[in-house]
Protein backbone atom coordinates (compact mmCIF):
# COMPACT_ATOMS: atom_id res chain seq x y z
CA UNK A 1 12.88 -7.20 0.37
CA UNK A 2 9.48 -7.84 1.88
CA UNK A 3 6.00 -8.38 0.51
CA UNK A 4 3.12 -6.51 2.14
CA UNK A 5 -0.66 -6.90 1.90
CA UNK A 6 -2.70 -4.13 3.43
CA UNK A 7 -6.44 -4.59 3.97
CA UNK A 8 -8.22 -1.23 3.70
CA UNK A 9 -11.68 -0.13 4.72
CA UNK A 10 -13.96 -0.23 1.73
CA UNK A 11 -12.76 1.80 -1.33
CA UNK A 12 -15.40 4.15 -2.49
CA UNK A 13 -14.51 4.62 -6.15
CA UNK A 14 -11.95 3.55 -8.81
CA UNK A 15 -10.21 6.92 -8.57
CA UNK A 16 -9.22 5.92 -5.02
CA UNK A 17 -7.13 3.17 -6.61
CA UNK A 18 -5.14 5.66 -8.67
CA UNK A 19 -4.57 8.03 -5.66
CA UNK A 20 -3.30 5.22 -3.52
CA UNK A 21 -1.10 3.79 -6.18
CA UNK A 22 0.45 7.17 -6.81
CA UNK A 23 1.19 7.81 -3.16
CA UNK A 24 2.60 4.42 -2.43
CA UNK A 25 4.77 4.51 -5.65
CA UNK A 26 6.20 7.82 -4.49
CA UNK A 27 7.88 6.26 -1.43
CA UNK A 28 11.51 5.56 -1.76
CA UNK A 29 12.10 1.82 -1.34
CA UNK A 30 8.85 0.66 -2.87
CA UNK A 31 9.15 -1.53 -5.96
CA UNK A 32 6.80 0.40 -8.27
CA UNK A 33 6.15 -2.48 -10.57
CA UNK A 34 4.83 -4.51 -7.69
CA UNK A 35 2.20 -2.01 -6.41
CA UNK A 36 -1.38 -3.34 -7.05
CA UNK A 37 -4.50 -1.87 -5.48
CA UNK A 38 -7.47 -4.31 -5.74
CA UNK A 39 -10.59 -2.22 -5.76
CA UNK A 40 -13.17 -4.97 -5.18
CA UNK A 41 -11.06 -6.55 -2.40
CA UNK A 42 -9.99 -3.19 -0.89
CA UNK A 43 -6.38 -4.46 -0.69
CA UNK A 44 -3.03 -3.02 -1.57
CA UNK A 45 -0.17 -5.46 -2.45
CA UNK A 46 3.47 -4.44 -2.94
CA UNK A 47 7.14 -5.31 -2.47
CA UNK A 48 9.31 -3.02 -0.56
CA UNK A 49 12.92 -2.65 0.65
CA UNK A 50 12.64 -2.53 4.40
CA UNK A 51 16.09 -0.91 4.70
CA UNK A 52 14.62 2.18 2.97
CA UNK A 53 11.00 2.30 3.92
CA UNK A 54 8.96 0.77 6.74
CA UNK A 55 5.51 -0.77 6.58
CA UNK A 56 4.45 2.01 8.95
CA UNK A 57 5.57 4.61 6.42
CA UNK A 58 3.41 2.83 3.77
CA UNK A 59 0.44 2.71 6.13
CA UNK A 60 0.94 6.41 7.06
CA UNK A 61 0.97 7.42 3.42
CA UNK A 62 -2.41 5.79 3.00
CA UNK A 63 -4.05 6.97 6.15
CA UNK A 64 -2.94 10.58 5.45
CA UNK A 65 -5.17 10.41 2.39
CA UNK A 66 -8.14 9.46 4.55
CA UNK A 67 -8.23 5.70 4.04
CA UNK A 68 -8.21 3.33 7.05
CA UNK A 69 -5.68 0.43 7.04
CA UNK A 70 -7.57 -2.31 8.89
CA UNK A 71 -4.90 -5.14 8.72
CA UNK A 72 -1.36 -5.60 7.40
CA UNK A 73 0.48 -8.73 6.60
CA UNK A 74 4.24 -8.73 5.86
CA UNK A 75 6.38 -11.57 4.46
CA UNK A 76 9.98 -11.92 3.57
CA UNK A 77 10.71 -12.50 -0.15
């Protein structure tokens, strides 16, 4: 398992939080209970199983919705 923090470009509205959470939680290998989108900080924090999903998969799911991932940090749990 790994922990990721993704810094996004500024989130425009609170509904963006819900869209991003839904998309990330839909990925196989993401611990749904760990997904937190921080509106004011424009960050996504989550835990994921790197044998099932890559950080690139997570980034792609966010960028496909039109949000820019500016920086990503990944740590082992």
